[in-house]
Amino acid sequence: MTESNGTGTPILMIHGTGSSSLAFGHQFDSPLADAHRLLAIDLPGHGQSADAANPSTDYTMPGLTSVVRQVIEELSLTDLTLVGWSLGGHIAIELLDHPSVTALMLTGTPPIGRGTLAMLRAFQPSWDVLLASKEHFSPRDVARFVSLCFAYGTTPELLEAVQRSDGRARSAAVRSMSHGEISDQRRAVEESTKPVAIVHGRQDPLLRISYLESLRNLWRGTPHIIENAGHAAFWDQPTIYNSLLTSLAADGRSFRSDSNQQLRKAS
């Protein structure tokens, strides 16, 4: 896990499939890391984390969600803003009702309903989408996957992260979602009392922006679409992204304060 020296309210960042905590390097190299306790984990089978001992269960959505929940609780994180990218965003939505979470920022993640048809409505019809669930990558697959995720520039470390990742995690996670082993994520977002932001790159080749624009109850009333950014908007346009994240975290703190006041009045 990577952690900044900031002492402000915590922000926990969850990467996408085939990547690692290194994807959030532009956030750790910014004032955001000084103002907040910024944390980023490596999911099982990614980065510095070991491959799963029981891939058939540990790489499912319930298994991956359990890992992040354990991190939150072992570190006693409170007033927490969760940032989820791609697969990490789907994990984050599963933790929306956690009492420590006050706000959610999703990037490259469409809140979907259960089942394969619900997933198809949110993603572009493309063979490239299938790479996210492919277990064995050829060198060509690795290069293509990296270009899809980081179309505006990458690093050797991000390429190595894809090469290192356990392909069983890709196939198991997508299979788990298609089998309905998640909540109705669209409903969870649209009925949330906590602020949920969608910050998305205009040039993302994988998701339908029209689907994101059809969602209700988003932070500030709309998805935030960043120009000249792809699937990893936080990497492509970190200054804009970090500014939005700072504002969301502040609104999350306000949500917690308002909730506490309401509880005191009720008692």
Protein backbone atom coordinates (compact mmCIF):
# COMPACT_ATOMS: atom_id res chain seq x y z
CA MET A 1 0.00 0.00 0.00
CA THR A 2 1.11 3.55 -0.75
CA GLU A 3 0.36 6.29 1.77
CA SER A 4 1.12 10.01 1.83
CA ASN A 5 2.31 12.06 4.79
CA GLY A 6 -0.80 14.22 4.80
CA THR A 7 -2.83 14.32 7.99
CA GLY A 8 -6.14 15.54 6.59
CA THR A 9 -9.24 13.45 6.02
CA PRO A 10 -8.43 10.17 4.25
CA ILE A 11 -8.89 9.38 0.57
CA LEU A 12 -8.53 5.73 -0.41
CA MET A 13 -7.89 4.99 -4.09
CA ILE A 14 -8.69 1.63 -5.71
CA HIS A 15 -7.13 0.82 -9.08
CA GLY A 16 -8.61 -1.05 -12.01
CA THR A 17 -7.98 -4.58 -13.23
CA GLY A 18 -4.46 -5.22 -14.53
CA SER A 19 -3.06 -2.11 -12.89
CA SER A 20 -1.71 -1.15 -9.47
CA SER A 21 -1.48 1.69 -6.98
CA LEU A 22 1.17 3.26 -9.24
CA ALA A 23 -1.63 4.45 -11.50
CA PHE A 24 -2.33 7.19 -8.94
CA GLY A 25 1.20 8.59 -9.07
CA HIS A 26 0.01 12.02 -10.22
CA GLN A 27 -2.16 12.30 -7.13
CA PHE A 28 0.68 11.39 -4.77
CA ASP A 29 2.94 13.92 -6.51
CA SER A 30 0.49 16.76 -5.93
CA PRO A 31 -0.70 19.04 -3.10
CA LEU A 32 -3.57 16.59 -2.64
CA ALA A 33 -1.16 14.23 -0.87
CA ASP A 34 -0.17 16.96 1.60
CA ALA A 35 -3.72 18.06 2.34
CA HIS A 36 -5.14 14.58 2.81
CA ARG A 37 -4.13 11.20 4.11
CA LEU A 38 -3.94 9.72 0.64
CA LEU A 39 -3.84 5.93 0.38
CA ALA A 40 -3.75 3.51 -2.57
CA ILE A 41 -3.78 -0.26 -2.28
CA ASP A 42 -2.75 -3.08 -4.59
CA LEU A 43 -5.63 -5.50 -4.98
CA PRO A 44 -4.85 -9.24 -4.69
CA GLY A 45 -2.97 -10.42 -7.77
CA HIS A 46 -1.79 -6.90 -8.61
CA GLY A 47 1.26 -4.78 -7.89
CA GLN A 48 3.02 -5.69 -4.66
CA SER A 49 0.16 -7.86 -3.40
CA ALA A 50 0.43 -11.64 -3.62
CA ASP A 51 -1.72 -13.68 -5.94
CA ALA A 52 -4.89 -14.97 -4.33
CA ALA A 53 -4.67 -18.18 -2.36
CA ASN A 54 -8.17 -19.15 -3.52
CA PRO A 55 -8.68 -17.48 -6.92
CA SER A 56 -12.20 -18.84 -7.44
CA THR A 57 -13.45 -16.89 -4.41
CA ASP A 58 -10.84 -14.23 -3.64
CA TYR A 59 -11.03 -12.66 -7.11
CA THR A 60 -14.82 -12.43 -7.15
CA MET A 61 -16.53 -9.14 -6.43
CA PRO A 62 -17.48 -10.21 -2.88
CA GLY A 63 -13.89 -11.38 -2.31
CA LEU A 64 -12.27 -8.17 -3.57
CA THR A 65 -14.79 -6.01 -1.70
CA SER A 66 -13.98 -7.88 1.48
CA VAL A 67 -10.29 -7.06 1.08
CA VAL A 68 -10.96 -3.32 0.79
CA ARG A 69 -13.42 -3.42 3.69
CA GLN A 70 -10.74 -5.07 5.79
CA VAL A 71 -8.26 -2.29 4.92
CA ILE A 72 -10.78 0.39 5.93
CA GLU A 73 -11.47 -1.26 9.25
CA GLU A 74 -7.92 -2.29 10.15
CA LEU A 75 -6.69 1.27 9.51
CA SER A 76 -9.69 2.74 11.36
CA LEU A 77 -10.41 5.10 8.47
CA THR A 78 -13.28 7.51 9.08
CA ASP A 79 -14.80 10.38 7.08
CA LEU A 80 -13.45 8.48 4.11
CA THR A 81 -13.66 9.46 0.46
CA LEU A 82 -13.34 6.40 -1.79
CA VAL A 83 -11.95 6.79 -5.31
CA GLY A 84 -12.54 3.86 -7.62
CA TRP A 85 -11.20 3.44 -11.13
CA SER A 86 -12.78 0.91 -13.50
CA LEU A 87 -12.99 -2.37 -11.54
CA GLY A 88 -11.99 -0.39 -8.45
CA GLY A 89 -15.06 1.77 -8.92
CA HIS A 90 -17.36 -1.24 -8.90
CA ILE A 91 -15.70 -2.35 -5.66
CA ALA A 92 -16.15 1.14 -4.23
CA ILE A 93 -19.89 1.16 -4.99
CA GLU A 94 -20.23 -2.08 -3.02
CA LEU A 95 -18.85 -0.15 -0.03
CA LEU A 96 -21.09 2.89 -0.43
CA ASP A 97 -23.15 1.92 2.62
CA HIS A 98 -20.08 1.44 4.85
CA PRO A 99 -20.43 3.80 7.83
CA SER A 100 -16.90 5.16 7.38
CA VAL A 101 -17.49 6.21 3.76
CA THR A 102 -18.79 9.75 3.25
CA ALA A 103 -18.24 10.25 -0.50
CA LEU A 104 -17.46 8.31 -3.65
CA MET A 105 -15.63 9.30 -6.85
CA LEU A 106 -15.92 6.96 -9.82
CA THR A 107 -13.76 7.08 -12.93
CA GLY A 108 -14.08 4.68 -15.85
CA THR A 109 -16.87 2.98 -13.91
CA PRO A 110 -20.52 2.90 -14.95
CA PRO A 111 -22.86 2.02 -12.05
CA ILE A 112 -24.64 -1.00 -13.50
CA GLY A 113 -27.51 -3.26 -12.59
CA ARG A 114 -27.14 -7.00 -12.13
CA GLY A 115 -26.43 -9.32 -15.03
CA THR A 116 -24.83 -9.33 -18.46
CA LEU A 117 -27.50 -7.23 -20.20
CA ALA A 118 -27.08 -4.45 -17.66
CA MET A 119 -23.34 -4.44 -18.31
CA LEU A 120 -23.81 -4.28 -22.08
CA ARG A 121 -25.92 -1.13 -21.80
CA ALA A 122 -23.03 0.73 -20.19
CA PHE A 123 -20.07 -0.31 -22.34
CA GLN A 124 -19.12 0.39 -25.94
CA PRO A 125 -19.62 -2.57 -28.31
CA SER A 126 -15.98 -3.39 -29.01
CA TRP A 127 -13.64 -6.35 -28.98
CA ASP A 128 -11.35 -4.25 -26.80
CA VAL A 129 -13.83 -4.48 -23.93
CA LEU A 130 -13.25 -8.24 -23.85
CA LEU A 131 -9.61 -7.72 -22.86
CA ALA A 132 -10.80 -6.79 -19.36
CA SER A 133 -11.94 -10.39 -18.86
CA LYS A 134 -9.21 -12.24 -20.78
CA GLU A 135 -7.18 -14.50 -18.52
CA HIS A 136 -4.02 -14.97 -20.61
CA PHE A 137 -2.40 -11.93 -22.23
CA SER A 138 -0.01 -12.11 -25.15
CA PRO A 139 2.59 -9.32 -25.45
CA ARG A 140 0.28 -7.72 -28.00
CA ASP A 141 -2.63 -7.89 -25.54
CA VAL A 142 -0.52 -6.20 -22.88
CA ALA A 143 0.40 -3.35 -25.21
CA ARG A 144 -3.19 -2.92 -26.37
CA PHE A 145 -4.57 -2.99 -22.83
CA VAL A 146 -2.11 -0.33 -21.69
CA SER A 147 -2.97 1.88 -24.66
CA LEU A 148 -6.67 1.60 -23.85
CA CYS A 149 -6.13 2.56 -20.21
CA PHE A 150 -3.45 5.22 -20.71
CA ALA A 151 -4.00 6.64 -24.17
CA TYR A 152 -2.31 9.94 -23.33
CA GLY A 153 1.00 8.51 -22.16
CA THR A 154 2.26 5.81 -19.87
CA THR A 155 5.41 4.66 -18.05
CA PRO A 156 7.40 1.42 -18.01
CA GLU A 157 6.09 0.81 -14.47
CA LEU A 158 2.47 0.89 -15.60
CA LEU A 159 3.30 -1.51 -18.41
CA GLU A 160 5.03 -3.84 -15.94
CA ALA A 161 1.95 -3.70 -13.70
CA VAL A 162 -0.19 -5.14 -16.48
CA GLN A 163 2.41 -7.83 -17.19
CA ARG A 164 2.63 -8.74 -13.52
CA SER A 165 -1.13 -8.91 -12.83
CA ASP A 166 -2.73 -12.31 -12.31
CA GLY A 167 -4.99 -12.88 -15.31
CA ARG A 168 -7.28 -15.05 -13.21
CA ALA A 169 -8.33 -11.88 -11.41
CA ARG A 170 -9.55 -10.35 -14.68
CA SER A 171 -11.67 -13.30 -15.70
CA ALA A 172 -13.04 -14.02 -12.22
CA ALA A 173 -14.05 -10.43 -11.47
CA VAL A 174 -15.93 -9.94 -14.75
CA ARG A 175 -17.56 -13.35 -14.44
CA SER A 176 -18.63 -12.48 -10.92
CA MET A 177 -20.26 -9.25 -12.09
CA SER A 178 -22.01 -10.91 -15.03
CA HIS A 179 -23.38 -13.56 -12.65
CA GLY A 180 -24.94 -10.85 -10.53
CA GLU A 181 -22.58 -11.09 -7.55
CA ILE A 182 -22.91 -7.35 -6.97
CA SER A 183 -25.63 -5.04 -5.78
CA ASP A 184 -27.84 -3.15 -8.20
CA GLN A 185 -25.15 -0.49 -8.47
CA ARG A 186 -27.20 1.96 -10.50
CA ARG A 187 -29.93 1.90 -7.90
CA ALA A 188 -27.38 2.22 -5.09
CA VAL A 189 -25.93 5.38 -6.65
CA GLU A 190 -29.26 6.91 -7.60
CA GLU A 191 -30.69 6.37 -4.11
CA SER A 192 -27.55 7.32 -2.16
CA THR A 193 -27.74 10.09 0.42
CA LYS A 194 -23.94 10.40 0.21
CA PRO A 195 -22.34 12.41 -2.61
CA VAL A 196 -21.33 10.22 -5.55
CA ALA A 197 -19.25 11.87 -8.28
CA ILE A 198 -18.53 10.53 -11.72
CA VAL A 199 -15.43 12.07 -13.31
CA HIS A 200 -14.80 10.64 -16.75
CA GLY A 201 -12.54 11.18 -19.73
CA ARG A 202 -14.28 12.32 -22.91
CA GLN A 203 -12.04 10.08 -25.03
CA ASP A 204 -12.56 6.89 -23.01
CA PRO A 205 -12.96 4.15 -25.66
CA LEU A 206 -14.69 1.68 -23.36
CA LEU A 207 -17.76 3.35 -21.80
CA ARG A 208 -20.89 5.01 -23.18
CA ILE A 209 -20.99 8.62 -22.00
CA SER A 210 -24.70 8.67 -22.82
CA TYR A 211 -25.19 6.00 -20.16
CA LEU A 212 -23.39 8.11 -17.56
CA GLU A 213 -25.47 11.13 -18.53
CA SER A 214 -28.66 9.14 -17.93
CA LEU A 215 -27.83 8.63 -14.25
CA ARG A 216 -29.71 10.56 -11.57
CA ASN A 217 -28.59 11.89 -8.18
CA LEU A 218 -24.96 12.51 -9.08
CA TRP A 219 -22.75 14.97 -7.24
CA ARG A 220 -23.45 18.47 -8.57
CA GLY A 221 -26.18 17.01 -10.75
CA THR A 222 -24.14 15.67 -13.65
CA PRO A 223 -21.16 13.51 -14.62
CA HIS A 224 -18.01 15.59 -14.96
CA ILE A 225 -16.59 14.90 -18.42
CA ILE A 226 -12.94 15.93 -18.82
CA GLU A 227 -11.65 16.79 -22.27
CA ASN A 228 -8.39 15.33 -23.58
CA ALA A 229 -8.64 12.43 -21.17
CA GLY A 230 -9.35 8.74 -21.65
CA HIS A 231 -10.13 5.83 -19.36
CA ALA A 232 -7.77 7.09 -16.65
CA ALA A 233 -8.79 10.74 -16.38
CA PHE A 234 -6.89 11.12 -13.09
CA TRP A 235 -3.68 10.28 -14.97
CA ASP A 236 -4.39 12.25 -18.14
CA GLN A 237 -5.62 15.48 -16.51
CA PRO A 238 -4.54 15.37 -12.86
CA THR A 239 -4.88 19.09 -12.12
CA ILE A 240 -8.56 19.17 -13.07
CA TYR A 241 -9.18 15.80 -11.47
CA ASN A 242 -7.49 16.65 -8.18
CA SER A 243 -9.44 19.90 -7.90
CA LEU A 244 -12.73 18.03 -8.25
CA LEU A 245 -11.58 15.40 -5.76
CA THR A 246 -10.67 18.09 -3.21
CA SER A 247 -14.15 19.59 -3.52
CA LEU A 248 -15.86 16.21 -3.25
CA ALA A 249 -13.91 15.30 -0.09
CA ALA A 250 -15.00 18.59 1.47
CA ASP A 251 -18.62 17.86 0.60
CA GLY A 252 -18.20 14.41 2.12
CA ARG A 253 -17.09 15.98 5.39
CA SER A 254 -20.13 18.26 5.25
CA PHE A 255 -22.34 15.22 4.71
CA ARG A 256 -20.95 13.60 7.85
CA SER A 257 -21.37 16.82 9.86
CA ASP A 258 -24.97 17.24 8.71
CA SER A 259 -25.73 13.59 9.48
CA ASN A 260 -24.31 13.91 12.99
CA GLN A 261 -26.40 17.02 13.64
CA GLN A 262 -29.53 15.22 12.52
CA LEU A 263 -28.75 12.29 14.80
CA ARG A 264 -28.26 14.64 17.76
CA LYS A 265 -31.58 16.35 17.05
CA ALA A 266 -33.34 12.99 16.77
CA SER A 267 -31.99 11.88 20.13
